Amino acid sequence: MTNEQETGSFVADLNEVLADIRDLLIAKNKAYGNSALNPIRIFSKASSYEQLSVRIDDKLSRIMRGEDFENEDTITDLLGYFILYKIQKNRDARGYKL
């Protein structure tokens, strides 16, 4: 495989993985509302960062214990939460308000 073919293959693989994560985040946002970035805060008054951090910790714990739920991709979920965390950081940096 040439370097150009290898790069093309990497880009194709990257686009496939990113599209999967994007589709998952869009589907979850639709199903749960914007609960990760704009939680309704009925019981918990924690910030979006704190709530995302708890979800990230839960996913990391599940990975460390080797406990995946059926039909769930813990790694993809974890990547999704990191992306949501980054989105929140970017919004804060831009002074984004709901």
PDB file of N, CA and C in Angstrom:
ATOM      1  N   MET A   1       0.854  -1.172   0.000  1.00  0.00           N
ATOM      2  CA  MET A   1       0.000   0.000   0.000  1.00  0.00           C
ATOM      3  C   MET A   1       0.902   1.237   0.000  1.00  0.00           C
ATOM      4  N   THR A   2       0.613   2.158  -0.879  1.00  0.00           N
ATOM      5  CA  THR A   2       1.397   3.394  -0.948  1.00  0.00           C
ATOM      6  C   THR A   2       0.976   4.327   0.184  1.00  0.00           C
ATOM      7  N   ASN A   3       1.796   5.327   0.435  1.00  0.00           N
ATOM      8  CA  ASN A   3       1.494   6.313   1.476  1.00  0.00           C
ATOM      9  C   ASN A   3       0.185   7.033   1.173  1.00  0.00           C
ATOM     10  N   GLU A   4      -0.042   7.341  -0.100  1.00  0.00           N
ATOM     11  CA  GLU A   4      -1.281   8.016  -0.502  1.00  0.00           C
ATOM     12  C   GLU A   4      -2.490   7.117  -0.247  1.00  0.00           C
ATOM     13  N   GLN A   5      -2.365   5.823  -0.552  1.00  0.00           N
ATOM     14  CA  GLN A   5      -3.465   4.895  -0.302  1.00  0.00           C
ATOM     15  C   GLN A   5      -3.711   4.743   1.197  1.00  0.00           C
ATOM     16  N   GLU A   6      -2.602   4.681   1.952  1.00  0.00           N
ATOM     17  CA  GLU A   6      -2.716   4.547   3.401  1.00  0.00           C
ATOM     18  C   GLU A   6      -3.402   5.772   3.999  1.00  0.00           C
ATOM     19  N   THR A   7      -3.026   6.954   3.533  1.00  0.00           N
ATOM     20  CA  THR A   7      -3.652   8.187   4.009  1.00  0.00           C
ATOM     21  C   THR A   7      -5.132   8.203   3.640  1.00  0.00           C
ATOM     22  N   GLY A   8      -5.448   7.809   2.425  1.00  0.00           N
ATOM     23  CA  GLY A   8      -6.850   7.756   1.991  1.00  0.00           C
ATOM     24  C   GLY A   8      -7.650   6.780   2.822  1.00  0.00           C
ATOM     25  N   SER A   9      -7.034   5.639   3.139  1.00  0.00           N
ATOM     26  CA  SER A   9      -7.696   4.634   3.966  1.00  0.00           C
ATOM     27  C   SER A   9      -7.930   5.176   5.375  1.00  0.00           C
ATOM     28  N   PHE A  10      -6.921   5.865   5.924  1.00  0.00           N
ATOM     29  CA  PHE A  10      -7.063   6.465   7.247  1.00  0.00           C
ATOM     30  C   PHE A  10      -8.202   7.480   7.252  1.00  0.00           C
ATOM     31  N   VAL A  11      -8.228   8.333   6.261  1.00  0.00           N
ATOM     32  CA  VAL A  11      -9.269   9.364   6.186  1.00  0.00           C
ATOM     33  C   VAL A  11     -10.648   8.721   6.083  1.00  0.00           C
ATOM     34  N   ALA A  12     -10.764   7.690   5.271  1.00  0.00           N
ATOM     35  CA  ALA A  12     -12.045   6.992   5.138  1.00  0.00           C
ATOM     36  C   ALA A  12     -12.447   6.359   6.471  1.00  0.00           C
ATOM     37  N   ASP A  13     -11.503   5.703   7.144  1.00  0.00           N
ATOM     38  CA  ASP A  13     -11.791   5.099   8.448  1.00  0.00           C
ATOM     39  C   ASP A  13     -12.175   6.157   9.475  1.00  0.00           C
ATOM     40  N   LEU A  14     -11.457   7.267   9.490  1.00  0.00           N
ATOM     41  CA  LEU A  14     -11.742   8.362  10.405  1.00  0.00           C
ATOM     42  C   LEU A  14     -13.139   8.914  10.171  1.00  0.00           C
ATOM     43  N   ASN A  15     -13.478   9.148   8.917  1.00  0.00           N
ATOM     44  CA  ASN A  15     -14.808   9.673   8.588  1.00  0.00           C
ATOM     45  C   ASN A  15     -15.907   8.714   9.017  1.00  0.00           C
ATOM     46  N   GLU A  16     -15.666   7.423   8.876  1.00  0.00           N
ATOM     47  CA  GLU A  16     -16.664   6.425   9.271  1.00  0.00           C
ATOM     48  C   GLU A  16     -16.893   6.456  10.787  1.00  0.00           C
ATOM     49  N   VAL A  17     -15.807   6.473  11.551  1.00  0.00           N
ATOM     50  CA  VAL A  17     -15.917   6.498  13.014  1.00  0.00           C
ATOM     51  C   VAL A  17     -16.570   7.797  13.481  1.00  0.00           C
ATOM     52  N   LEU A  18     -16.138   8.923  12.936  1.00  0.00           N
ATOM     53  CA  LEU A  18     -16.708  10.209  13.333  1.00  0.00           C
ATOM     54  C   LEU A  18     -18.189  10.302  12.967  1.00  0.00           C
ATOM     55  N   ALA A  19     -18.565   9.744  11.830  1.00  0.00           N
ATOM     56  CA  ALA A  19     -19.974   9.747  11.428  1.00  0.00           C
ATOM     57  C   ALA A  19     -20.804   8.911  12.399  1.00  0.00           C
ATOM     58  N   ASP A  20     -20.262   7.776  12.840  1.00  0.00           N
ATOM     59  CA  ASP A  20     -20.975   6.937  13.814  1.00  0.00           C
ATOM     60  C   ASP A  20     -21.206   7.696  15.115  1.00  0.00           C
ATOM     61  N   ILE A  21     -20.166   8.378  15.592  1.00  0.00           N
ATOM     62  CA  ILE A  21     -20.293   9.139  16.840  1.00  0.00           C
ATOM     63  C   ILE A  21     -21.266  10.301  16.651  1.00  0.00           C
ATOM     64  N   ARG A  22     -21.162  10.977  15.527  1.00  0.00           N
ATOM     65  CA  ARG A  22     -22.072  12.092  15.223  1.00  0.00           C
ATOM     66  C   ARG A  22     -23.524  11.606  15.210  1.00  0.00           C
ATOM     67  N   ASP A  23     -23.781  10.492  14.522  1.00  0.00           N
ATOM     68  CA  ASP A  23     -25.137   9.954  14.438  1.00  0.00           C
ATOM     69  C   ASP A  23     -25.663   9.558  15.821  1.00  0.00           C
ATOM     70  N   LEU A  24     -24.795   8.964  16.644  1.00  0.00           N
ATOM     71  CA  LEU A  24     -25.192   8.579  17.993  1.00  0.00           C
ATOM     72  C   LEU A  24     -25.559   9.817  18.820  1.00  0.00           C
ATOM     73  N   LEU A  25     -24.723  10.858  18.766  1.00  0.00           N
ATOM     74  CA  LEU A  25     -24.995  12.071  19.533  1.00  0.00           C
ATOM     75  C   LEU A  25     -26.283  12.752  19.079  1.00  0.00           C
ATOM     76  N   ILE A  26     -26.517  12.779  17.797  1.00  0.00           N
ATOM     77  CA  ILE A  26     -27.753  13.380  17.274  1.00  0.00           C
ATOM     78  C   ILE A  26     -28.964  12.573  17.722  1.00  0.00           C
ATOM     79  N   ALA A  27     -28.871  11.246  17.642  1.00  0.00           N
ATOM     80  CA  ALA A  27     -29.985  10.391  18.051  1.00  0.00           C
ATOM     81  C   ALA A  27     -30.269  10.533  19.551  1.00  0.00           C
ATOM     82  N   LYS A  28     -29.215  10.557  20.367  1.00  0.00           N
ATOM     83  CA  LYS A  28     -29.414  10.701  21.811  1.00  0.00           C
ATOM     84  C   LYS A  28     -29.954  12.085  22.149  1.00  0.00           C
ATOM     85  N   ASN A  29     -29.480  13.110  21.457  1.00  0.00           N
ATOM     86  CA  ASN A  29     -29.979  14.455  21.692  1.00  0.00           C
ATOM     87  C   ASN A  29     -31.466  14.532  21.369  1.00  0.00           C
ATOM     88  N   LYS A  30     -31.856  13.856  20.309  1.00  0.00           N
ATOM     89  CA  LYS A  30     -33.265  13.828  19.917  1.00  0.00           C
ATOM     90  C   LYS A  30     -34.096  13.055  20.944  1.00  0.00           C
ATOM     91  N   ALA A  31     -33.559  11.931  21.421  1.00  0.00           N
ATOM     92  CA  ALA A  31     -34.285  11.088  22.365  1.00  0.00           C
ATOM     93  C   ALA A  31     -34.380  11.704  23.758  1.00  0.00           C
ATOM     94  N   TYR A  32     -33.300  12.331  24.214  1.00  0.00           N
ATOM     95  CA  TYR A  32     -33.239  12.846  25.580  1.00  0.00           C
ATOM     96  C   TYR A  32     -33.362  14.352  25.672  1.00  0.00           C
ATOM     97  N   GLY A  33     -33.564  15.011  24.558  1.00  0.00           N
ATOM     98  CA  GLY A  33     -33.514  16.465  24.583  1.00  0.00           C
ATOM     99  C   GLY A  33     -32.054  16.860  24.729  1.00  0.00           C
ATOM    100  N   ASN A  34     -31.795  18.078  24.992  1.00  0.00           N
ATOM    101  CA  ASN A  34     -30.411  18.542  25.113  1.00  0.00           C
ATOM    102  C   ASN A  34     -29.944  18.391  26.565  1.00  0.00           C
ATOM    103  N   SER A  35     -30.207  17.209  27.144  1.00  0.00           N
ATOM    104  CA  SER A  35     -29.983  17.012  28.576  1.00  0.00           C
ATOM    105  C   SER A  35     -28.518  17.048  28.987  1.00  0.00           C
ATOM    106  N   ALA A  36     -27.609  16.777  28.082  1.00  0.00           N
ATOM    107  CA  ALA A  36     -26.192  16.805  28.444  1.00  0.00           C
ATOM    108  C   ALA A  36     -25.678  18.241  28.576  1.00  0.00           C
ATOM    109  N   LEU A  37     -26.088  19.106  27.674  1.00  0.00           N
ATOM    110  CA  LEU A  37     -25.589  20.476  27.674  1.00  0.00           C
ATOM    111  C   LEU A  37     -26.560  21.469  28.309  1.00  0.00           C
ATOM    112  N   ASN A  38     -27.810  21.067  28.440  1.00  0.00           N
ATOM    113  CA  ASN A  38     -28.817  21.921  29.056  1.00  0.00           C
ATOM    114  C   ASN A  38     -29.745  21.054  29.910  1.00  0.00           C
ATOM    115  N   PRO A  39     -29.204  20.492  31.021  1.00  0.00           N
ATOM    116  CA  PRO A  39     -30.022  19.605  31.850  1.00  0.00           C
ATOM    117  C   PRO A  39     -31.167  20.356  32.509  1.00  0.00           C
ATOM    118  N   ILE A  40     -32.256  19.636  32.791  1.00  0.00           N
ATOM    119  CA  ILE A  40     -33.422  20.287  33.388  1.00  0.00           C
ATOM    120  C   ILE A  40     -33.244  20.547  34.884  1.00  0.00           C
ATOM    121  N   ARG A  41     -32.318  19.863  35.530  1.00  0.00           N
ATOM    122  CA  ARG A  41     -31.944  20.099  36.922  1.00  0.00           C
ATOM    123  C   ARG A  41     -33.125  20.018  37.899  1.00  0.00           C
ATOM    124  N   ILE A  42     -33.820  18.915  37.858  1.00  0.00           N
ATOM    125  CA  ILE A  42     -34.906  18.698  38.814  1.00  0.00           C
ATOM    126  C   ILE A  42     -34.322  18.264  40.160  1.00  0.00           C
ATOM    127  N   PHE A  43     -33.486  17.240  40.145  1.00  0.00           N
ATOM    128  CA  PHE A  43     -32.872  16.763  41.378  1.00  0.00           C
ATOM    129  C   PHE A  43     -31.455  17.302  41.541  1.00  0.00           C
ATOM    130  N   SER A  44     -30.655  17.180  40.508  1.00  0.00           N
ATOM    131  CA  SER A  44     -29.263  17.608  40.572  1.00  0.00           C
ATOM    132  C   SER A  44     -29.133  19.047  40.108  1.00  0.00           C
ATOM    133  N   LYS A  45     -28.381  19.804  40.862  1.00  0.00           N
ATOM    134  CA  LYS A  45     -28.107  21.197  40.496  1.00  0.00           C
ATOM    135  C   LYS A  45     -26.688  21.340  39.951  1.00  0.00           C
ATOM    136  N   ALA A  46     -26.037  20.199  39.694  1.00  0.00           N
ATOM    137  CA  ALA A  46     -24.659  20.212  39.217  1.00  0.00           C
ATOM    138  C   ALA A  46     -24.581  20.845  37.831  1.00  0.00           C
ATOM    139  N   SER A  47     -23.423  21.421  37.554  1.00  0.00           N
ATOM    140  CA  SER A  47     -23.197  22.046  36.248  1.00  0.00           C
ATOM    141  C   SER A  47     -23.152  20.982  35.148  1.00  0.00           C
ATOM    142  N   SER A  48     -23.236  21.436  33.917  1.00  0.00           N
ATOM    143  CA  SER A  48     -23.109  20.518  32.779  1.00  0.00           C
ATOM    144  C   SER A  48     -21.776  19.790  32.833  1.00  0.00           C
ATOM    145  N   TYR A  49     -20.714  20.515  33.198  1.00  0.00           N
ATOM    146  CA  TYR A  49     -19.388  19.883  33.295  1.00  0.00           C
ATOM    147  C   TYR A  49     -19.391  18.753  34.316  1.00  0.00           C
ATOM    148  N   GLU A  50     -19.966  19.026  35.473  1.00  0.00           N
ATOM    149  CA  GLU A  50     -19.978  18.013  36.528  1.00  0.00           C
ATOM    150  C   GLU A  50     -20.811  16.804  36.103  1.00  0.00           C
ATOM    151  N   GLN A  51     -21.951  17.049  35.491  1.00  0.00           N
ATOM    152  CA  GLN A  51     -22.792  15.938  35.055  1.00  0.00           C
ATOM    153  C   GLN A  51     -22.109  15.119  33.959  1.00  0.00           C
ATOM    154  N   LEU A  52     -21.449  15.797  33.025  1.00  0.00           N
ATOM    155  CA  LEU A  52     -20.700  15.083  31.987  1.00  0.00           C
ATOM    156  C   LEU A  52     -19.528  14.318  32.594  1.00  0.00           C
ATOM    157  N   SER A  53     -18.866  14.912  33.586  1.00  0.00           N
ATOM    158  CA  SER A  53     -17.742  14.240  34.247  1.00  0.00           C
ATOM    159  C   SER A  53     -18.194  12.955  34.934  1.00  0.00           C
ATOM    160  N   VAL A  54     -19.366  12.988  35.555  1.00  0.00           N
ATOM    161  CA  VAL A  54     -19.910  11.785  36.199  1.00  0.00           C
ATOM    162  C   VAL A  54     -20.184  10.713  35.146  1.00  0.00           C
ATOM    163  N   ARG A  55     -20.768  11.095  34.039  1.00  0.00           N
ATOM    164  CA  ARG A  55     -21.050  10.127  32.968  1.00  0.00           C
ATOM    165  C   ARG A  55     -19.756   9.552  32.403  1.00  0.00           C
ATOM    166  N   ILE A  56     -18.744  10.399  32.246  1.00  0.00           N
ATOM    167  CA  ILE A  56     -17.439   9.938  31.761  1.00  0.00           C
ATOM    168  C   ILE A  56     -16.834   8.954  32.761  1.00  0.00           C
ATOM    169  N   ASP A  57     -16.888   9.297  34.052  1.00  0.00           N
ATOM    170  CA  ASP A  57     -16.376   8.388  35.082  1.00  0.00           C
ATOM    171  C   ASP A  57     -17.103   7.043  35.042  1.00  0.00           C
ATOM    172  N   ASP A  58     -18.423   7.077  34.880  1.00  0.00           N
ATOM    173  CA  ASP A  58     -19.195   5.828  34.801  1.00  0.00           C
ATOM    174  C   ASP A  58     -18.734   4.958  33.632  1.00  0.00           C
ATOM    175  N   LYS A  59     -18.530   5.590  32.482  1.00  0.00           N
ATOM    176  CA  LYS A  59     -18.086   4.836  31.298  1.00  0.00           C
ATOM    177  C   LYS A  59     -16.675   4.274  31.507  1.00  0.00           C
ATOM    178  N   LEU A  60     -15.776   5.079  32.082  1.00  0.00           N
ATOM    179  CA  LEU A  60     -14.415   4.604  32.349  1.00  0.00           C
ATOM    180  C   LEU A  60     -14.431   3.439  33.340  1.00  0.00           C
ATOM    181  N   SER A  61     -15.278   3.535  34.347  1.00  0.00           N
ATOM    182  CA  SER A  61     -15.410   2.456  35.324  1.00  0.00           C
ATOM    183  C   SER A  61     -15.887   1.176  34.653  1.00  0.00           C
ATOM    184  N   ARG A  62     -16.861   1.318  33.765  1.00  0.00           N
ATOM    185  CA  ARG A  62     -17.384   0.156  33.051  1.00  0.00           C
ATOM    186  C   ARG A  62     -16.296  -0.479  32.182  1.00  0.00           C
ATOM    187  N   ILE A  63     -15.488   0.346  31.529  1.00  0.00           N
ATOM    188  CA  ILE A  63     -14.396  -0.171  30.695  1.00  0.00           C
ATOM    189  C   ILE A  63     -13.367  -0.890  31.563  1.00  0.00           C
ATOM    190  N   MET A  64     -13.005  -0.279  32.699  1.00  0.00           N
ATOM    191  CA  MET A  64     -12.015  -0.883  33.592  1.00  0.00           C
ATOM    192  C   MET A  64     -12.475  -2.232  34.129  1.00  0.00           C
ATOM    193  N   ARG A  65     -13.773  -2.365  34.380  1.00  0.00           N
ATOM    194  CA  ARG A  65     -14.312  -3.624  34.895  1.00  0.00           C
ATOM    195  C   ARG A  65     -14.639  -4.610  33.788  1.00  0.00           C
ATOM    196  N   GLY A  66     -14.575  -4.157  32.542  1.00  0.00           N
ATOM    197  CA  GLY A  66     -14.899  -5.031  31.420  1.00  0.00           C
ATOM    198  C   GLY A  66     -16.367  -5.384  31.334  1.00  0.00           C
ATOM    199  N   GLU A  67     -17.214  -4.445  31.750  1.00  0.00           N
ATOM    200  CA  GLU A  67     -18.660  -4.687  31.783  1.00  0.00           C
ATOM    201  C   GLU A  67     -19.372  -3.826  30.754  1.00  0.00           C
ATOM    202  N   ASP A  68     -19.617  -4.391  29.609  1.00  0.00           N
ATOM    203  CA  ASP A  68     -20.416  -3.707  28.591  1.00  0.00           C
ATOM    204  C   ASP A  68     -21.851  -4.199  28.682  1.00  0.00           C
ATOM    205  N   PHE A  69     -22.786  -3.297  28.466  1.00  0.00           N
ATOM    206  CA  PHE A  69     -24.172  -3.706  28.363  1.00  0.00           C
ATOM    207  C   PHE A  69     -24.426  -4.184  26.942  1.00  0.00           C
ATOM    208  N   GLU A  70     -25.350  -5.120  26.817  1.00  0.00           N
ATOM    209  CA  GLU A  70     -25.702  -5.634  25.503  1.00  0.00           C
ATOM    210  C   GLU A  70     -26.222  -4.496  24.618  1.00  0.00           C
ATOM    211  N   ASN A  71     -25.801  -4.500  23.373  1.00  0.00           N
ATOM    212  CA  ASN A  71     -26.215  -3.492  22.387  1.00  0.00           C
ATOM    213  C   ASN A  71     -25.723  -2.084  22.732  1.00  0.00           C
ATOM    214  N   GLU A  72     -24.679  -1.970  23.541  1.00  0.00           N
ATOM    215  CA  GLU A  72     -24.126  -0.658  23.862  1.00  0.00           C
ATOM    216  C   GLU A  72     -22.628  -0.673  23.592  1.00  0.00           C
ATOM    217  N   ASP A  73     -22.159   0.365  22.962  1.00  0.00           N
ATOM    218  CA  ASP A  73     -20.735   0.506  22.681  1.00  0.00           C
ATOM    219  C   ASP A  73     -20.177   1.551  23.649  1.00  0.00           C
ATOM    220  N   THR A  74     -19.593   1.093  24.731  1.00  0.00           N
ATOM    221  CA  THR A  74     -19.121   1.980  25.790  1.00  0.00           C
ATOM    222  C   THR A  74     -18.054   2.945  25.289  1.00  0.00           C
ATOM    223  N   ILE A  75     -17.165   2.476  24.419  1.00  0.00           N
ATOM    224  CA  ILE A  75     -16.100   3.343  23.897  1.00  0.00           C
ATOM    225  C   ILE A  75     -16.714   4.488  23.087  1.00  0.00           C
ATOM    226  N   THR A  76     -17.676   4.178  22.232  1.00  0.00           N
ATOM    227  CA  THR A  76     -18.325   5.215  21.431  1.00  0.00           C
ATOM    228  C   THR A  76     -19.073   6.191  22.338  1.00  0.00           C
ATOM    229  N   ASP A  77     -19.755   5.676  23.357  1.00  0.00           N
ATOM    230  CA  ASP A  77     -20.428   6.555  24.313  1.00  0.00           C
ATOM    231  C   ASP A  77     -19.435   7.479  24.996  1.00  0.00           C
ATOM    232  N   LEU A  78     -18.302   6.928  25.406  1.00  0.00           N
ATOM    233  CA  LEU A  78     -17.273   7.717  26.079  1.00  0.00           C
ATOM    234  C   LEU A  78     -16.757   8.826  25.165  1.00  0.00           C
ATOM    235  N   LEU A  79     -16.466   8.481  23.930  1.00  0.00           N
ATOM    236  CA  LEU A  79     -16.017   9.497  22.968  1.00  0.00           C
ATOM    237  C   LEU A  79     -17.082  10.577  22.795  1.00  0.00           C
ATOM    238  N   GLY A  80     -18.330  10.164  22.746  1.00  0.00           N
ATOM    239  CA  GLY A  80     -19.425  11.113  22.627  1.00  0.00           C
ATOM    240  C   GLY A  80     -19.470  12.084  23.794  1.00  0.00           C
ATOM    241  N   TYR A  81     -19.282  11.569  25.018  1.00  0.00           N
ATOM    242  CA  TYR A  81     -19.283  12.443  26.187  1.00  0.00           C
ATOM    243  C   TYR A  81     -18.116  13.416  26.170  1.00  0.00           C
ATOM    244  N   PHE A  82     -16.955  12.945  25.705  1.00  0.00           N
ATOM    245  CA  PHE A  82     -15.814  13.870  25.578  1.00  0.00           C
ATOM    246  C   PHE A  82     -16.110  14.965  24.560  1.00  0.00           C
ATOM    247  N   ILE A  83     -16.783  14.621  23.484  1.00  0.00           N
ATOM    248  CA  ILE A  83     -17.151  15.620  22.473  1.00  0.00           C
ATOM    249  C   ILE A  83     -18.138  16.626  23.067  1.00  0.00           C
ATOM    250  N   LEU A  84     -19.131  16.129  23.816  1.00  0.00           N
ATOM    251  CA  LEU A  84     -20.080  17.032  24.462  1.00  0.00           C
ATOM    252  C   LEU A  84     -19.367  17.964  25.440  1.00  0.00           C
ATOM    253  N   TYR A  85     -18.402  17.438  26.173  1.00  0.00           N
ATOM    254  CA  TYR A  85     -17.609  18.253  27.092  1.00  0.00           C
ATOM    255  C   TYR A  85     -16.882  19.361  26.336  1.00  0.00           C
ATOM    256  N   LYS A  86     -16.302  18.997  25.192  1.00  0.00           N
ATOM    257  CA  LYS A  86     -15.590  19.969  24.354  1.00  0.00           C
ATOM    258  C   LYS A  86     -16.552  21.022  23.803  1.00  0.00           C
ATOM    259  N   ILE A  87     -17.741  20.602  23.399  1.00  0.00           N
ATOM    260  CA  ILE A  87     -18.745  21.551  22.905  1.00  0.00           C
ATOM    261  C   ILE A  87     -19.081  22.562  24.004  1.00  0.00           C
ATOM    262  N   GLN A  88     -19.284  22.061  25.229  1.00  0.00           N
ATOM    263  CA  GLN A  88     -19.602  22.959  26.340  1.00  0.00           C
ATOM    264  C   GLN A  88     -18.460  23.939  26.596  1.00  0.00           C
ATOM    265  N   LYS A  89     -17.224  23.448  26.549  1.00  0.00           N
ATOM    266  CA  LYS A  89     -16.054  24.330  26.727  1.00  0.00           C
ATOM    267  C   LYS A  89     -16.010  25.405  25.650  1.00  0.00           C
ATOM    268  N   ASN A  90     -16.257  25.008  24.402  1.00  0.00           N
ATOM    269  CA  ASN A  90     -16.267  25.979  23.297  1.00  0.00           C
ATOM    270  C   ASN A  90     -17.374  27.006  23.482  1.00  0.00           C
ATOM    271  N   ARG A  91     -18.546  26.557  23.909  1.00  0.00           N
ATOM    272  CA  ARG A  91     -19.650  27.498  24.147  1.00  0.00           C
ATOM    273  C   ARG A  91     -19.302  28.493  25.240  1.00  0.00           C
ATOM    274  N   ASP A  92     -18.706  27.989  26.311  1.00  0.00           N
ATOM    275  CA  ASP A  92     -18.316  28.884  27.405  1.00  0.00           C
ATOM    276  C   ASP A  92     -17.293  29.902  26.950  1.00  0.00           C
ATOM    277  N   ALA A  93     -16.330  29.456  26.137  1.00  0.00           N
ATOM    278  CA  ALA A  93     -15.285  30.361  25.629  1.00  0.00           C
ATOM    279  C   ALA A  93     -15.878  31.450  24.747  1.00  0.00           C
ATOM    280  N   ARG A  94     -16.966  31.123  24.054  1.00  0.00           N
ATOM    281  CA  ARG A  94     -17.622  32.110  23.190  1.00  0.00           C
ATOM    282  C   ARG A  94     -18.678  32.916  23.930  1.00  0.00           C
ATOM    283  N   GLY A  95     -18.892  32.593  25.210  1.00  0.00           N
ATOM    284  CA  GLY A  95     -19.903  33.305  25.979  1.00  0.00           C
ATOM    285  C   GLY A  95     -21.310  32.921  25.584  1.00  0.00           C
ATOM    286  N   TYR A  96     -21.487  31.700  25.084  1.00  0.00           N
ATOM    287  CA  TYR A  96     -22.787  31.202  24.626  1.00  0.00           C
ATOM    288  C   TYR A  96     -23.749  31.107  25.815  1.00  0.00           C
ATOM    289  N   LYS A  97     -24.923  31.647  25.667  1.00  0.00           N
ATOM    290  CA  LYS A  97     -25.976  31.552  26.681  1.00  0.00           C
ATOM    291  C   LYS A  97     -27.212  30.963  26.040  1.00  0.00           C
ATOM    292  N   LEU A  98     -27.919  30.117  26.793  1.00  0.00           N
ATOM    293  CA  LEU A  98     -29.182  29.542  26.302  1.00  0.00           C
ATOM    294  C   LEU A  98     -30.294  30.537  26.398  1.00  0.00           C
TER     295      LEU A  98
END
